[in-house]
Amino acid sequence: MTCELEAAHDGPHADHLGEVDRDTQLWVQWDGDQYEFVRLSPCEAPAEDGDACSLFAGHDPGHSWEMRDLLHG
């Protein structure tokens, strides 16, 4: 798994697993060796340069288009 959030984020790590429907995404969140599967709404930030944020609503600052090459685990 690879955390998709900004490297300096607060809270658990998160990896997007797929789409449940248009308004729901399936994510796995973890902190240490504790894992949880959660259904979250997609981020509603306006698309920038035609690229919508691929993270969930309420994520820590830093939209996916701002950190395309900054992966951490």
Protein backbone atom coordinates (compact mmCIF):
# COMPACT_ATOMS: atom_id res chain seq x y z
CA MET A 1 0.00 0.00 0.00
CA THR A 2 1.04 3.55 -0.63
CA CYS A 3 -0.36 6.51 1.26
CA GLU A 4 -1.88 8.98 -1.18
CA LEU A 5 -1.94 11.90 1.25
CA GLU A 6 0.64 14.66 1.55
CA ALA A 7 3.81 13.48 3.32
CA ALA A 8 3.30 15.76 6.34
CA HIS A 9 -0.38 14.93 6.91
CA ASP A 10 -2.03 14.42 10.31
CA GLY A 11 -3.98 11.28 11.14
CA PRO A 12 -3.94 7.88 9.47
CA HIS A 13 -2.45 7.01 6.10
CA ALA A 14 -4.93 6.33 3.29
CA ASP A 15 -4.91 4.36 0.01
CA HIS A 16 -7.75 4.50 -2.52
CA LEU A 17 -9.05 1.04 -3.41
CA GLY A 18 -11.87 1.87 -5.84
CA GLU A 19 -15.21 3.43 -6.58
CA VAL A 20 -18.38 2.07 -4.95
CA ASP A 21 -20.57 4.48 -6.89
CA ARG A 22 -20.41 8.07 -8.12
CA ASP A 23 -20.62 9.48 -4.58
CA THR A 24 -18.69 6.85 -2.62
CA GLN A 25 -15.09 5.64 -2.70
CA LEU A 26 -13.56 2.70 -0.85
CA TRP A 27 -10.36 3.48 1.05
CA VAL A 28 -8.11 1.62 3.45
CA GLN A 29 -6.75 3.74 6.29
CA TRP A 30 -3.96 2.65 8.63
CA ASP A 31 -1.85 3.81 11.51
CA GLY A 32 0.97 1.43 12.40
CA ASP A 33 -0.46 -2.09 12.11
CA GLN A 34 -4.13 -1.09 12.57
CA TYR A 35 -6.11 -1.11 9.27
CA GLU A 36 -9.68 -0.03 8.56
CA PHE A 37 -11.72 -0.13 5.34
CA VAL A 38 -13.89 2.98 5.01
CA ARG A 39 -16.39 4.43 2.54
CA LEU A 40 -15.74 8.12 1.91
CA SER A 41 -17.13 10.81 -0.39
CA PRO A 42 -14.80 12.11 -3.08
CA CYS A 43 -13.12 15.51 -2.69
CA GLU A 44 -15.28 18.22 -4.23
CA ALA A 45 -12.48 20.71 -4.93
CA PRO A 46 -12.81 22.33 -8.34
CA ALA A 47 -10.68 20.65 -10.98
CA GLU A 48 -7.41 22.39 -11.77
CA ASP A 49 -6.12 22.20 -15.34
CA GLY A 50 -8.83 19.61 -16.04
CA ASP A 51 -7.58 17.29 -13.28
CA ALA A 52 -9.98 16.67 -10.38
CA CYS A 53 -8.63 15.80 -6.94
CA SER A 54 -8.62 12.02 -6.51
CA LEU A 55 -8.67 12.12 -2.70
CA PHE A 56 -11.62 11.99 -0.29
CA ALA A 57 -13.66 14.89 1.07
CA GLY A 58 -12.11 16.52 4.12
CA HIS A 59 -8.57 15.28 3.48
CA ASP A 60 -5.61 17.24 4.89
CA PRO A 61 -4.43 20.16 2.74
CA GLY A 62 -2.78 19.28 -0.54
CA HIS A 63 -4.90 18.07 -3.46
CA SER A 64 -3.75 15.13 -5.59
CA TRP A 65 -2.73 17.34 -8.51
CA GLU A 66 -0.37 19.22 -6.17
CA MET A 67 1.59 16.10 -5.20
CA ARG A 68 1.53 13.72 -8.15
CA ASP A 69 5.16 12.67 -7.67
CA LEU A 70 5.30 12.83 -3.87
CA LEU A 71 4.38 9.32 -2.68
CA HIS A 72 5.14 8.01 0.80
CA GLY A 73 4.13 4.96 2.79
